[in-house]
């Protein structure tokens, strides 16, 4: 390995940040989903979040994209 820590999206933090700012329905709409299920599946890890989606989510939540990650042991 290159010595960099492995990181993954912190789904729990993502949900907390979203809930503090808006409803599931509003986030779903802002991301272009027809129903809240599309975003809900991202938030619970059922569907993988793309880099583009993550960048847009960070922008919507007014956070740095790095804030949405956590280090994995």
Foldseek 3Di string as FASTA:
>chain_A
DPPDFDKDFDLVVLVVLDVVPHDLQVLCVQLPHPGSVVVVCCSVVVDPDDPVNLVVSCVVSVHDSVVRMDTDD
